C-alpha cells in the first residue's frame, strides 16, 4: 500500500528536480559538435552577385566570422549595429550567411542598416545552415585560417561577447597562425 503512493511521489520529485536543473541552464550554451572541426563545405551564390558562387575553400587562409542572419530576424537587427561598427574597424572580415530569406528583402535590409559583410551568401533553403548546426538566427562562428570552427555564438553578439570572447579569440588565432 505504501509503495503504491511512494513510487509516484518519488517519480514526481525526480521530475521536479530535473525541471529545476533545466531551468537553471543557459540555452545559449549549447555545445556545438563542430567546434575544432572543419567548417562544412558549401557552394552558395553571393547575395550581391548571384552569378558568383562562393565556396568554403575560398575563405581559407584568413581568420573570419561567419554570421548567420536574415532580414526577418528581430535579434539580427539588434546585433547589426555592432557588426557594422566591427566591420568599420576592420579587425576581422565578416561573411554573412543569409538564412531562409528573400534576396530583395535582404538587399533592402542591408541598404537601410548598413552592410558589414565582406560578402553575404544566400542560403534560401537553409541546407547550409543545417550543415553548420544552426539552431536559429543569429548565430556567429569564428573560423581559423585552416577552415576550422573555433567558436560558436548562439544568439546576437553582445558587446561583452565581442570584447571578452570573440575578439580575443580572433587575435589569438591570428597570432598563432601567423
Foldseek 3Di string as FASTA:
>chain_A
DVCVPVVVVVVVVVVVVVVVVVVPDDPQPDDDPQAQHFQDWDWFAWLVGRVHTDILVNQAQAKAKEKEDELVDPLCVVQVVVLQVVLVVVLHAYEYEHALYDSVSVVVSCVVRPDSHPIYGYPNVCPSVVSRVQPDPTKMFTAANHRGTNDIGHTHDDPCCVVPPVSVVNVVRVVVVD
